[in-house]
Every structure is written in C-alpha cells, then in structure tokens.
C-alpha cells in the first residue's frame, strides 16, 4: 500500500484552495467587505475538508497495515519465532497505538525472550522492556490481573523477589482469592528464609539437616530466628490462603511442608515446638503426595464433556 507524505499533500491542498479563491475574485479595483468575508469562510471550509479527508484516509490506511502486522506477529509467535513476532507487534503498535491487544501481544512476546535466572545486561534489558510494555497496558486497564501477574513473573525470573512479591500483592488487592498470587508470595518467603539459613549454616561449616538444625550453635540460630520469623509467618499465611482457595493445590501443600521446616529453625531451643513443626511438615508432605496422585488420576480420566478451566477457557 502506497504511503503518502502528509505535509506535501496538505501543502498541495492549500495551494489549490488559494488558487480557487483567487480565480473566484471578480474583476475590479476592490471587493466589498461582505464578499471578502464570504471568500475567507469558503476558503477555510474548503481547506478543512481537504485536510480532514487526508487525515481520515491516512488513519484508515495505518489501521489496516497495523492489523496486518498484528496477524503476522501472531503467526510468528505461534511458530515460536519470538524475535520476528516482536518486530511485527512493534510495527503494529507504532502504526496504530490504540489497536486492541497489540501492546499485550508485544509484551508477551518480549516476556518469552527473557531467560529465567539470567541477570546479564542484555537479558535485564529485555525483561525491563516487557515490564514497561505491560505497565502501558495497565495504564489503560488498571485492574488487568493478567498483566500484573506477568510483571510479577518476569521479576521472579530475574531474581528480583521484592518486586515480584509486591506485584503479586497488587494482584491480591484486585482479586483477594487468587490462589497463584498467594502461592507465589509464600514461595518467595520460603526462598528468602531458606537462603538466609544456608548462609548462616555455611558460615560455620554446617549443612541444613531439614529438622530444625538443633546441633547448630545457639548464637547462629538465634540470629537466624530473628531474620526468618517474619518470613515464615507470612509464608504460612499466604500458602494457607492458596490451599484454602484451591483445595487441590498440591504445589502449595509441598511448600507448606518446606515452610514448616523453616519454622522448626525459628523455634530452635523449644523442643516441643520443633517436634510439632516437623510433624506438620510431614503431614503436608503426605497430603501433597496424595493430592498430586488424585490430580493426575483425574487428568488421565479426561473430561466427560465440555469443561471450563480456571481462566474461563472451554475444553
């Protein structure tokens, strides 16, 4: 499709209007004031009509090209050609910034290019580009939970856990019963507490025994308890929320096992509490295994008809 130079066309239209206005002047030394006003009014509306027509034509052309780029991007994305998809989606957003889903598709394609766990400048650049694009989507749709989750997921993948947790809490502000958001916050709390424990034990030449580390020096464990107590409390809170909101959430159950083992470290020096923590950990391990088996069996049975998953998609 041929592209037009807006300013060249506008200049040509303006020249034509002025030419017509001079051709319309009657012969004579002067015009009356009434005739002058009429000519000026006619000149204005003729120019406005010319420019309006050109703008509408160009806008329609850009919208068609934008949709073409969007469709090409979708095809590339489906085939796993994410870099090519990004190029098409970028062109689509440039041609028609208001095109529905174009920014979401671009952000999603950029997200696919983010390598989990890699913190190189190039990877962080791509991650931040994806985050910024999802934020643009949120500027137009502030309560878009999917975009919030995507941002949280990107931060999680590049090990920026504080930001990941903050965005999952924004999800819960919009949807307090979202089990994935609650689960992810619990996982982040466990990861932080577990890393604190490894750092503390390795500093004195010990490994985590997974049973409260009762043989570790008291000074080390007292300091660890201060660091990890808030993380353990919050982790238990959100993982429990996840299981309450989704009773067959076996992954959340497994992390409840792990967070209770961290709680045993916090309860160092209180043998009865440690024993209770480990018993709870074992209970959640058993329950997670049973639930996972039940989930797998249900999956293997297959649906008896049309079903709707948690995202509302029919199968």
C-alpha atoms as a PDB file:
ATOM      1  CA  UNK A   1       0.000   0.000   0.000  1.00  0.00           C
ATOM      2  CA  UNK A   2       1.424   3.398  -1.016  1.00  0.00           C
ATOM      3  CA  UNK A   3       2.386   5.763   1.785  1.00  0.00           C
ATOM      4  CA  UNK A   4       1.685   9.491   1.470  1.00  0.00           C
ATOM      5  CA  UNK A   5       3.595  12.500   2.752  1.00  0.00           C
ATOM      6  CA  UNK A   6       1.062  14.324   4.888  1.00  0.00           C
ATOM      7  CA  UNK A   7       2.747  17.728   4.694  1.00  0.00           C
ATOM      8  CA  UNK A   8       3.227  17.549   0.924  1.00  0.00           C
ATOM      9  CA  UNK A   9      -0.429  16.699   0.421  1.00  0.00           C
ATOM     10  CA  UNK A  10      -1.505  19.383   2.854  1.00  0.00           C
ATOM     11  CA  UNK A  11       0.590  21.962   1.009  1.00  0.00           C
ATOM     12  CA  UNK A  12      -0.865  20.862  -2.326  1.00  0.00           C
ATOM     13  CA  UNK A  13      -4.400  21.091  -0.948  1.00  0.00           C
ATOM     14  CA  UNK A  14      -3.713  24.523   0.498  1.00  0.00           C
ATOM     15  CA  UNK A  15      -2.303  25.789  -2.792  1.00  0.00           C
ATOM     16  CA  UNK A  16      -5.338  24.504  -4.668  1.00  0.00           C
ATOM     17  CA  UNK A  17      -7.758  26.198  -2.273  1.00  0.00           C
ATOM     18  CA  UNK A  18      -5.913  29.515  -2.555  1.00  0.00           C
ATOM     19  CA  UNK A  19      -5.836  29.226  -6.322  1.00  0.00           C
ATOM     20  CA  UNK A  20      -9.584  28.663  -6.448  1.00  0.00           C
ATOM     21  CA  UNK A  21     -10.183  31.598  -4.161  1.00  0.00           C
ATOM     22  CA  UNK A  22      -8.239  33.960  -6.394  1.00  0.00           C
ATOM     23  CA  UNK A  23      -9.964  32.624  -9.506  1.00  0.00           C
ATOM     24  CA  UNK A  24     -13.298  33.355  -7.833  1.00  0.00           C
ATOM     25  CA  UNK A  25     -12.494  37.088  -7.366  1.00  0.00           C
ATOM     26  CA  UNK A  26     -14.487  39.378  -9.718  1.00  0.00           C
ATOM     27  CA  UNK A  27     -12.642  41.927 -11.831  1.00  0.00           C
ATOM     28  CA  UNK A  28     -12.455  45.348 -10.358  1.00  0.00           C
ATOM     29  CA  UNK A  29     -10.329  47.531  -8.186  1.00  0.00           C
ATOM     30  CA  UNK A  30     -11.714  46.121  -4.809  1.00  0.00           C
ATOM     31  CA  UNK A  31     -14.156  43.768  -3.106  1.00  0.00           C
ATOM     32  CA  UNK A  32     -16.875  44.725  -0.690  1.00  0.00           C
ATOM     33  CA  UNK A  33     -16.398  43.713   2.922  1.00  0.00           C
ATOM     34  CA  UNK A  34     -19.245  41.180   2.718  1.00  0.00           C
ATOM     35  CA  UNK A  35     -17.708  39.438  -0.277  1.00  0.00           C
ATOM     36  CA  UNK A  36     -14.315  39.293   1.436  1.00  0.00           C
ATOM     37  CA  UNK A  37     -15.796  37.527   4.484  1.00  0.00           C
ATOM     38  CA  UNK A  38     -17.622  35.015   2.306  1.00  0.00           C
ATOM     39  CA  UNK A  39     -14.449  34.172   0.382  1.00  0.00           C
ATOM     40  CA  UNK A  40     -12.482  33.726   3.607  1.00  0.00           C
ATOM     41  CA  UNK A  41     -15.183  31.439   5.034  1.00  0.00           C
ATOM     42  CA  UNK A  42     -15.312  29.357   1.856  1.00  0.00           C
ATOM     43  CA  UNK A  43     -11.518  29.145   1.794  1.00  0.00           C
ATOM     44  CA  UNK A  44     -11.416  27.928   5.423  1.00  0.00           C
ATOM     45  CA  UNK A  45     -14.013  25.215   4.991  1.00  0.00           C
ATOM     46  CA  UNK A  46     -12.504  24.016   1.729  1.00  0.00           C
ATOM     47  CA  UNK A  47      -9.095  23.660   3.388  1.00  0.00           C
ATOM     48  CA  UNK A  48     -10.596  21.948   6.460  1.00  0.00           C
ATOM     49  CA  UNK A  49     -12.434  19.446   4.281  1.00  0.00           C
ATOM     50  CA  UNK A  50      -9.270  18.696   2.311  1.00  0.00           C
ATOM     51  CA  UNK A  51      -7.139  18.116   5.406  1.00  0.00           C
ATOM     52  CA  UNK A  52      -9.842  16.090   7.166  1.00  0.00           C
ATOM     53  CA  UNK A  53     -10.181  13.796   4.200  1.00  0.00           C
ATOM     54  CA  UNK A  54      -6.430  13.222   4.055  1.00  0.00           C
ATOM     55  CA  UNK A  55      -6.189  12.508   7.807  1.00  0.00           C
ATOM     56  CA  UNK A  56      -9.069  10.019   7.697  1.00  0.00           C
ATOM     57  CA  UNK A  57      -7.578   8.302   4.690  1.00  0.00           C
ATOM     58  CA  UNK A  58      -4.162   8.022   6.285  1.00  0.00           C
ATOM     59  CA  UNK A  59      -5.650   6.805   9.583  1.00  0.00           C
ATOM     60  CA  UNK A  60      -7.602   4.079   7.851  1.00  0.00           C
ATOM     61  CA  UNK A  61      -4.538   3.017   5.914  1.00  0.00           C
ATOM     62  CA  UNK A  62      -2.433   2.802   9.083  1.00  0.00           C
ATOM     63  CA  UNK A  63      -5.103   0.766  10.853  1.00  0.00           C
ATOM     64  CA  UNK A  64      -5.179  -1.772   8.024  1.00  0.00           C
ATOM     65  CA  UNK A  65      -1.396  -2.069   7.996  1.00  0.00           C
ATOM     66  CA  UNK A  66      -1.355  -2.363  11.804  1.00  0.00           C
ATOM     67  CA  UNK A  67      -3.819  -5.256  11.739  1.00  0.00           C
ATOM     68  CA  UNK A  68      -1.757  -6.955   9.053  1.00  0.00           C
ATOM     69  CA  UNK A  69       1.351  -6.639  11.235  1.00  0.00           C
ATOM     70  CA  UNK A  70      -0.591  -7.937  14.242  1.00  0.00           C
ATOM     71  CA  UNK A  71      -1.718 -11.037  12.342  1.00  0.00           C
ATOM     72  CA  UNK A  72       1.816 -11.687  11.106  1.00  0.00           C
ATOM     73  CA  UNK A  73       3.084 -11.353  14.674  1.00  0.00           C
ATOM     74  CA  UNK A  74       0.536 -13.856  15.960  1.00  0.00           C
ATOM     75  CA  UNK A  75       1.568 -16.372  13.296  1.00  0.00           C
ATOM     76  CA  UNK A  76       5.256 -15.902  14.155  1.00  0.00           C
ATOM     77  CA  UNK A  77       4.540 -16.270  17.876  1.00  0.00           C
ATOM     78  CA  UNK A  78       2.571 -19.486  17.368  1.00  0.00           C
ATOM     79  CA  UNK A  79       5.534 -20.918  15.461  1.00  0.00           C
ATOM     80  CA  UNK A  80       7.947 -19.997  18.250  1.00  0.00           C
ATOM     81  CA  UNK A  81       9.643 -17.198  16.270  1.00  0.00           C
ATOM     82  CA  UNK A  82       9.539 -14.705  19.106  1.00  0.00           C
ATOM     83  CA  UNK A  83      12.034 -12.174  17.708  1.00  0.00           C
ATOM     84  CA  UNK A  84      10.077 -11.976  14.470  1.00  0.00           C
ATOM     85  CA  UNK A  85       6.835 -11.668  16.426  1.00  0.00           C
ATOM     86  CA  UNK A  86       8.290  -8.790  18.441  1.00  0.00           C
ATOM     87  CA  UNK A  87       9.142  -6.894  15.243  1.00  0.00           C
ATOM     88  CA  UNK A  88       5.627  -7.288  13.862  1.00  0.00           C
ATOM     89  CA  UNK A  89       3.955  -6.315  17.145  1.00  0.00           C
ATOM     90  CA  UNK A  90       6.202  -3.259  17.481  1.00  0.00           C
ATOM     91  CA  UNK A  91       5.225  -2.111  13.984  1.00  0.00           C
ATOM     92  CA  UNK A  92       1.565  -2.697  14.798  1.00  0.00           C
ATOM     93  CA  UNK A  93       1.724  -0.509  17.913  1.00  0.00           C
ATOM     94  CA  UNK A  94       3.578   2.220  16.010  1.00  0.00           C
ATOM     95  CA  UNK A  95       1.030   2.233  13.192  1.00  0.00           C
ATOM     96  CA  UNK A  96      -2.000   2.143  15.489  1.00  0.00           C
ATOM     97  CA  UNK A  97      -1.241   2.780  19.184  1.00  0.00           C
ATOM     98  CA  UNK A  98      -4.896   2.103  20.051  1.00  0.00           C
ATOM     99  CA  UNK A  99      -5.080  -1.293  18.356  1.00  0.00           C
ATOM    100  CA  UNK A 100      -6.627  -3.721  20.890  1.00  0.00           C
ATOM    101  CA  UNK A 101      -4.240  -6.374  22.263  1.00  0.00           C
ATOM    102  CA  UNK A 102      -1.226  -5.152  20.256  1.00  0.00           C
ATOM    103  CA  UNK A 103       0.641  -3.959  23.349  1.00  0.00           C
ATOM    104  CA  UNK A 104      -0.308  -7.066  25.298  1.00  0.00           C
ATOM    105  CA  UNK A 105       0.957  -9.296  22.486  1.00  0.00           C
ATOM    106  CA  UNK A 106       4.187  -7.305  22.233  1.00  0.00           C
ATOM    107  CA  UNK A 107       4.777  -7.533  25.981  1.00  0.00           C
ATOM    108  CA  UNK A 108       4.043 -11.271  25.968  1.00  0.00           C
ATOM    109  CA  UNK A 109       6.463 -11.873  23.086  1.00  0.00           C
ATOM    110  CA  UNK A 110       9.167  -9.896  24.892  1.00  0.00           C
ATOM    111  CA  UNK A 111       8.499 -11.934  28.023  1.00  0.00           C
ATOM    112  CA  UNK A 112       9.226 -15.128  26.087  1.00  0.00           C
ATOM    113  CA  UNK A 113      12.686 -13.766  25.268  1.00  0.00           C
ATOM    114  CA  UNK A 114      13.577 -13.366  28.962  1.00  0.00           C
ATOM    115  CA  UNK A 115      15.916 -16.142  30.108  1.00  0.00           C
ATOM    116  CA  UNK A 116      14.981 -17.277  33.666  1.00  0.00           C
ATOM    117  CA  UNK A 117      17.698 -16.806  36.273  1.00  0.00           C
ATOM    118  CA  UNK A 118      19.969 -14.825  33.926  1.00  0.00           C
ATOM    119  CA  UNK A 119      20.960 -11.335  35.081  1.00  0.00           C
ATOM    120  CA  UNK A 120      23.140 -10.233  32.156  1.00  0.00           C
ATOM    121  CA  UNK A 121      22.604  -6.652  30.906  1.00  0.00           C
ATOM    122  CA  UNK A 122      21.002  -7.885  27.673  1.00  0.00           C
ATOM    123  CA  UNK A 123      18.544 -10.148  29.475  1.00  0.00           C
ATOM    124  CA  UNK A 124      17.644  -7.459  32.001  1.00  0.00           C
ATOM    125  CA  UNK A 125      17.077  -5.016  29.146  1.00  0.00           C
ATOM    126  CA  UNK A 126      14.570  -7.357  27.513  1.00  0.00           C
ATOM    127  CA  UNK A 127      12.920  -8.006  30.876  1.00  0.00           C
ATOM    128  CA  UNK A 128      12.513  -4.294  31.549  1.00  0.00           C
ATOM    129  CA  UNK A 129      11.134  -3.717  28.055  1.00  0.00           C
ATOM    130  CA  UNK A 130       8.489  -6.367  28.676  1.00  0.00           C
ATOM    131  CA  UNK A 131       7.677  -4.925  32.104  1.00  0.00           C
ATOM    132  CA  UNK A 132       7.354  -1.406  30.689  1.00  0.00           C
ATOM    133  CA  UNK A 133       5.011  -2.631  27.967  1.00  0.00           C
ATOM    134  CA  UNK A 134       2.803  -4.458  30.474  1.00  0.00           C
ATOM    135  CA  UNK A 135       2.736  -1.250  32.526  1.00  0.00           C
ATOM    136  CA  UNK A 136       1.473   0.591  29.431  1.00  0.00           C
ATOM    137  CA  UNK A 137      -1.334  -1.946  29.214  1.00  0.00           C
ATOM    138  CA  UNK A 138      -2.108  -1.301  32.891  1.00  0.00           C
ATOM    139  CA  UNK A 139      -2.207   2.450  32.285  1.00  0.00           C
ATOM    140  CA  UNK A 140      -5.210   1.779  30.047  1.00  0.00           C
ATOM    141  CA  UNK A 141      -6.637  -1.143  32.076  1.00  0.00           C
ATOM    142  CA  UNK A 142      -5.550  -0.597  35.713  1.00  0.00           C
ATOM    143  CA  UNK A 143      -7.172  -3.778  37.028  1.00  0.00           C
ATOM    144  CA  UNK A 144      -5.769  -6.158  34.411  1.00  0.00           C
ATOM    145  CA  UNK A 145      -4.719  -9.040  36.670  1.00  0.00           C
ATOM    146  CA  UNK A 146      -3.011 -10.931  33.842  1.00  0.00           C
ATOM    147  CA  UNK A 147      -0.615  -8.026  33.190  1.00  0.00           C
ATOM    148  CA  UNK A 148       0.128  -7.736  36.909  1.00  0.00           C
ATOM    149  CA  UNK A 149       0.920 -11.449  37.071  1.00  0.00           C
ATOM    150  CA  UNK A 150       3.148 -11.209  34.018  1.00  0.00           C
ATOM    151  CA  UNK A 151       5.148  -8.373  35.587  1.00  0.00           C
ATOM    152  CA  UNK A 152       5.469 -10.352  38.827  1.00  0.00           C
ATOM    153  CA  UNK A 153       6.560 -13.420  36.868  1.00  0.00           C
ATOM    154  CA  UNK A 154       9.258 -11.516  34.997  1.00  0.00           C
ATOM    155  CA  UNK A 155      10.648 -10.065  38.224  1.00  0.00           C
ATOM    156  CA  UNK A 156      10.644 -13.570  39.725  1.00  0.00           C
ATOM    157  CA  UNK A 157      12.516 -14.989  36.726  1.00  0.00           C
ATOM    158  CA  UNK A 158      15.312 -12.401  37.045  1.00  0.00           C
ATOM    159  CA  UNK A 159      15.567 -12.914  40.823  1.00  0.00           C
ATOM    160  CA  UNK A 160      14.107  -9.564  41.827  1.00  0.00           C
ATOM    161  CA  UNK A 161      11.979 -11.131  44.536  1.00  0.00           C
ATOM    162  CA  UNK A 162      10.903  -7.989  46.377  1.00  0.00           C
ATOM    163  CA  UNK A 163       9.384  -6.567  43.186  1.00  0.00           C
ATOM    164  CA  UNK A 164       7.818  -9.918  42.313  1.00  0.00           C
ATOM    165  CA  UNK A 165       6.177 -10.106  45.741  1.00  0.00           C
ATOM    166  CA  UNK A 166       4.962  -6.503  45.549  1.00  0.00           C
ATOM    167  CA  UNK A 167       3.227  -7.144  42.220  1.00  0.00           C
ATOM    168  CA  UNK A 168       1.612 -10.364  43.448  1.00  0.00           C
ATOM    169  CA  UNK A 169       0.203  -8.398  46.367  1.00  0.00           C
ATOM    170  CA  UNK A 170      -1.249  -5.949  43.832  1.00  0.00           C
ATOM    171  CA  UNK A 171      -2.963  -8.921  42.226  1.00  0.00           C
ATOM    172  CA  UNK A 172      -4.492  -9.818  45.590  1.00  0.00           C
ATOM    173  CA  UNK A 173      -5.665  -6.222  46.029  1.00  0.00           C
ATOM    174  CA  UNK A 174      -7.769  -6.712  42.891  1.00  0.00           C
ATOM    175  CA  UNK A 175      -8.624 -10.395  43.422  1.00  0.00           C
ATOM    176  CA  UNK A 176      -8.156 -11.443  47.080  1.00  0.00           C
ATOM    177  CA  UNK A 177      -8.956 -15.069  46.226  1.00  0.00           C
ATOM    178  CA  UNK A 178      -6.305 -15.596  43.567  1.00  0.00           C
ATOM    179  CA  UNK A 179      -4.517 -18.808  44.629  1.00  0.00           C
ATOM    180  CA  UNK A 180      -1.495 -18.415  42.309  1.00  0.00           C
ATOM    181  CA  UNK A 181      -0.668 -14.978  43.690  1.00  0.00           C
ATOM    182  CA  UNK A 182      -0.890 -16.188  47.289  1.00  0.00           C
ATOM    183  CA  UNK A 183       1.164 -19.278  46.438  1.00  0.00           C
ATOM    184  CA  UNK A 184       3.909 -17.239  44.771  1.00  0.00           C
ATOM    185  CA  UNK A 185       4.221 -14.900  47.761  1.00  0.00           C
ATOM    186  CA  UNK A 186       4.603 -17.946  50.019  1.00  0.00           C
ATOM    187  CA  UNK A 187       7.259 -19.414  47.725  1.00  0.00           C
ATOM    188  CA  UNK A 188       9.196 -16.134  47.729  1.00  0.00           C
ATOM    189  CA  UNK A 189       9.117 -16.011  51.535  1.00  0.00           C
ATOM    190  CA  UNK A 190      10.393 -19.587  51.689  1.00  0.00           C
ATOM    191  CA  UNK A 191      13.206 -18.846  49.185  1.00  0.00           C
ATOM    192  CA  UNK A 192      14.366 -15.850  51.224  1.00  0.00           C
ATOM    193  CA  UNK A 193      14.232 -17.765  54.514  1.00  0.00           C
ATOM    194  CA  UNK A 194      15.985 -20.782  53.016  1.00  0.00           C
ATOM    195  CA  UNK A 195      18.799 -18.657  51.618  1.00  0.00           C
ATOM    196  CA  UNK A 196      19.233 -16.948  54.986  1.00  0.00           C
ATOM    197  CA  UNK A 197      19.537 -20.367  56.589  1.00  0.00           C
ATOM    198  CA  UNK A 198      22.073 -21.660  54.093  1.00  0.00           C
ATOM    199  CA  UNK A 199      24.202 -18.526  54.509  1.00  0.00           C
ATOM    200  CA  UNK A 200      24.125 -18.794  58.308  1.00  0.00           C
ATOM    201  CA  UNK A 201      24.950 -22.506  58.437  1.00  0.00           C
ATOM    202  CA  UNK A 202      27.625 -22.455  55.747  1.00  0.00           C
ATOM    203  CA  UNK A 203      29.393 -19.665  57.633  1.00  0.00           C
ATOM    204  CA  UNK A 204      30.048 -22.139  60.455  1.00  0.00           C
ATOM    205  CA  UNK A 205      30.686 -25.120  58.197  1.00  0.00           C
ATOM    206  CA  UNK A 206      27.298 -26.800  58.550  1.00  0.00           C
ATOM    207  CA  UNK A 207      24.616 -28.062  56.162  1.00  0.00           C
ATOM    208  CA  UNK A 208      20.854 -27.869  56.648  1.00  0.00           C
ATOM    209  CA  UNK A 209      19.521 -31.095  58.170  1.00  0.00           C
ATOM    210  CA  UNK A 210      15.889 -30.184  57.427  1.00  0.00           C
ATOM    211  CA  UNK A 211      14.897 -30.979  61.014  1.00  0.00           C
ATOM    212  CA  UNK A 212      15.450 -27.730  62.892  1.00  0.00           C
ATOM    213  CA  UNK A 213      19.273 -27.848  62.959  1.00  0.00           C
ATOM    214  CA  UNK A 214      19.313 -28.441  66.703  1.00  0.00           C
ATOM    215  CA  UNK A 215      23.066 -29.131  66.640  1.00  0.00           C
ATOM    216  CA  UNK A 216      23.899 -25.684  65.223  1.00  0.00           C
ATOM    217  CA  UNK A 217      25.400 -23.042  67.566  1.00  0.00           C
ATOM    218  CA  UNK A 218      22.780 -21.163  69.581  1.00  0.00           C
ATOM    219  CA  UNK A 219      24.171 -17.776  68.533  1.00  0.00           C
ATOM    220  CA  UNK A 220      23.765 -18.665  64.880  1.00  0.00           C
ATOM    221  CA  UNK A 221      20.233 -19.975  65.286  1.00  0.00           C
ATOM    222  CA  UNK A 222      19.083 -17.064  67.456  1.00  0.00           C
ATOM    223  CA  UNK A 223      20.187 -14.621  64.778  1.00  0.00           C
ATOM    224  CA  UNK A 224      18.548 -16.746  62.084  1.00  0.00           C
ATOM    225  CA  UNK A 225      15.291 -16.815  64.037  1.00  0.00           C
ATOM    226  CA  UNK A 226      15.196 -13.025  64.105  1.00  0.00           C
ATOM    227  CA  UNK A 227      15.731 -12.845  60.355  1.00  0.00           C
ATOM    228  CA  UNK A 228      13.374 -15.624  59.370  1.00  0.00           C
ATOM    229  CA  UNK A 229      10.456 -15.331  61.795  1.00  0.00           C
ATOM    230  CA  UNK A 230       8.593 -12.632  59.748  1.00  0.00           C
ATOM    231  CA  UNK A 231       9.223 -14.556  56.507  1.00  0.00           C
ATOM    232  CA  UNK A 232       7.964 -17.824  57.983  1.00  0.00           C
ATOM    233  CA  UNK A 233       4.842 -16.194  59.416  1.00  0.00           C
ATOM    234  CA  UNK A 234       3.988 -14.512  56.130  1.00  0.00           C
ATOM    235  CA  UNK A 235       4.812 -17.625  54.114  1.00  0.00           C
ATOM    236  CA  UNK A 236       2.491 -19.754  56.232  1.00  0.00           C
ATOM    237  CA  UNK A 237      -0.247 -17.153  55.893  1.00  0.00           C
ATOM    238  CA  UNK A 238      -0.176 -16.968  52.095  1.00  0.00           C
ATOM    239  CA  UNK A 239       0.411 -20.667  51.420  1.00  0.00           C
ATOM    240  CA  UNK A 240      -2.547 -21.475  53.651  1.00  0.00           C
ATOM    241  CA  UNK A 241      -4.603 -18.930  51.698  1.00  0.00           C
ATOM    242  CA  UNK A 242      -3.603 -20.652  48.458  1.00  0.00           C
ATOM    243  CA  UNK A 243      -4.748 -24.063  49.700  1.00  0.00           C
ATOM    244  CA  UNK A 244      -7.984 -22.623  51.090  1.00  0.00           C
ATOM    245  CA  UNK A 245      -8.752 -21.003  47.749  1.00  0.00           C
ATOM    246  CA  UNK A 246      -7.764 -24.132  45.806  1.00  0.00           C
ATOM    247  CA  UNK A 247      -8.139 -27.269  47.936  1.00  0.00           C
ATOM    248  CA  UNK A 248      -6.297 -29.499  45.430  1.00  0.00           C
ATOM    249  CA  UNK A 249      -3.258 -27.192  45.154  1.00  0.00           C
ATOM    250  CA  UNK A 250      -0.565 -29.845  45.668  1.00  0.00           C
ATOM    251  CA  UNK A 251       2.345 -27.483  44.934  1.00  0.00           C
ATOM    252  CA  UNK A 252       1.206 -25.144  47.713  1.00  0.00           C
ATOM    253  CA  UNK A 253       0.940 -28.115  50.049  1.00  0.00           C
ATOM    254  CA  UNK A 254       4.514 -29.137  49.304  1.00  0.00           C
ATOM    255  CA  UNK A 255       5.742 -25.636  50.125  1.00  0.00           C
ATOM    256  CA  UNK A 256       3.775 -25.729  53.373  1.00  0.00           C
ATOM    257  CA  UNK A 257       5.937 -28.738  54.215  1.00  0.00           C
ATOM    258  CA  UNK A 258       9.058 -26.703  53.458  1.00  0.00           C
ATOM    259  CA  UNK A 259       7.975 -23.575  55.314  1.00  0.00           C
ATOM    260  CA  UNK A 260       7.170 -25.644  58.421  1.00  0.00           C
ATOM    261  CA  UNK A 261      10.737 -26.945  58.320  1.00  0.00           C
ATOM    262  CA  UNK A 262      11.904 -23.326  58.321  1.00  0.00           C
ATOM    263  CA  UNK A 263       9.587 -22.738  61.262  1.00  0.00           C
ATOM    264  CA  UNK A 264      11.433 -25.508  63.112  1.00  0.00           C
ATOM    265  CA  UNK A 265      14.612 -23.436  62.739  1.00  0.00           C
ATOM    266  CA  UNK A 266      12.822 -20.380  64.136  1.00  0.00           C
ATOM    267  CA  UNK A 267      11.612 -22.462  67.106  1.00  0.00           C
ATOM    268  CA  UNK A 268      15.190 -23.539  67.946  1.00  0.00           C
ATOM    269  CA  UNK A 269      15.531 -24.024  71.686  1.00  0.00           C
ATOM    270  CA  UNK A 270      11.895 -25.115  72.084  1.00  0.00           C
ATOM    271  CA  UNK A 271      11.947 -28.902  71.523  1.00  0.00           C
ATOM    272  CA  UNK A 272       8.177 -29.411  71.732  1.00  0.00           C
ATOM    273  CA  UNK A 273       7.553 -26.668  69.157  1.00  0.00           C
ATOM    274  CA  UNK A 274      10.207 -28.110  66.855  1.00  0.00           C
ATOM    275  CA  UNK A 275       8.614 -31.552  67.128  1.00  0.00           C
ATOM    276  CA  UNK A 276       5.213 -30.098  66.280  1.00  0.00           C
ATOM    277  CA  UNK A 277       6.618 -28.161  63.315  1.00  0.00           C
ATOM    278  CA  UNK A 278       8.212 -31.281  61.842  1.00  0.00           C
ATOM    279  CA  UNK A 279       5.015 -33.259  62.358  1.00  0.00           C
ATOM    280  CA  UNK A 280       3.102 -30.600  60.415  1.00  0.00           C
ATOM    281  CA  UNK A 281       5.742 -30.705  57.702  1.00  0.00           C
ATOM    282  CA  UNK A 282       5.335 -34.472  57.367  1.00  0.00           C
ATOM    283  CA  UNK A 283       1.548 -34.145  57.267  1.00  0.00           C
ATOM    284  CA  UNK A 284       1.701 -31.644  54.419  1.00  0.00           C
ATOM    285  CA  UNK A 285       4.192 -33.826  52.541  1.00  0.00           C
ATOM    286  CA  UNK A 286       1.810 -36.769  52.752  1.00  0.00           C
ATOM    287  CA  UNK A 287      -1.184 -34.675  51.799  1.00  0.00           C
ATOM    288  CA  UNK A 288       0.684 -33.146  48.843  1.00  0.00           C
ATOM    289  CA  UNK A 289       1.586 -36.598  47.511  1.00  0.00           C
ATOM    290  CA  UNK A 290      -1.975 -37.907  47.864  1.00  0.00           C
ATOM    291  CA  UNK A 291      -3.434 -34.820  46.251  1.00  0.00           C
ATOM    292  CA  UNK A 292      -0.974 -34.960  43.370  1.00  0.00           C
ATOM    293  CA  UNK A 293      -1.920 -38.587  42.699  1.00  0.00           C
ATOM    294  CA  UNK A 294      -5.606 -37.659  42.741  1.00  0.00           C
ATOM    295  CA  UNK A 295      -4.993 -34.751  40.374  1.00  0.00           C
ATOM    296  CA  UNK A 296      -3.079 -36.974  37.968  1.00  0.00           C
ATOM    297  CA  UNK A 297      -5.789 -39.653  38.058  1.00  0.00           C
ATOM    298  CA  UNK A 298      -8.453 -37.067  37.344  1.00  0.00           C
ATOM    299  CA  UNK A 299      -6.406 -35.681  34.475  1.00  0.00           C
ATOM    300  CA  UNK A 300      -5.969 -39.145  32.965  1.00  0.00           C
ATOM    301  CA  UNK A 301      -9.698 -39.829  33.133  1.00  0.00           C
ATOM    302  CA  UNK A 302     -10.359 -36.954  30.759  1.00  0.00           C
ATOM    303  CA  UNK A 303     -13.472 -34.790  30.702  1.00  0.00           C
ATOM    304  CA  UNK A 304     -16.869 -36.305  30.129  1.00  0.00           C
ATOM    305  CA  UNK A 305     -17.968 -33.255  28.147  1.00  0.00           C
ATOM    306  CA  UNK A 306     -17.240 -29.573  27.791  1.00  0.00           C
ATOM    307  CA  UNK A 307     -15.360 -28.225  30.798  1.00  0.00           C
ATOM    308  CA  UNK A 308     -14.169 -24.764  31.780  1.00  0.00           C
ATOM    309  CA  UNK A 309     -10.759 -24.239  33.370  1.00  0.00           C
ATOM    310  CA  UNK A 310      -9.756 -21.629  35.952  1.00  0.00           C
ATOM    311  CA  UNK A 311      -9.165 -18.986  33.253  1.00  0.00           C
ATOM    312  CA  UNK A 312     -12.641 -19.464  31.784  1.00  0.00           C
ATOM    313  CA  UNK A 313     -11.463 -21.325  28.679  1.00  0.00           C
ATOM    314  CA  UNK A 314     -13.698 -24.115  27.349  1.00  0.00           C
ATOM    315  CA  UNK A 315     -12.201 -27.550  26.621  1.00  0.00           C
END
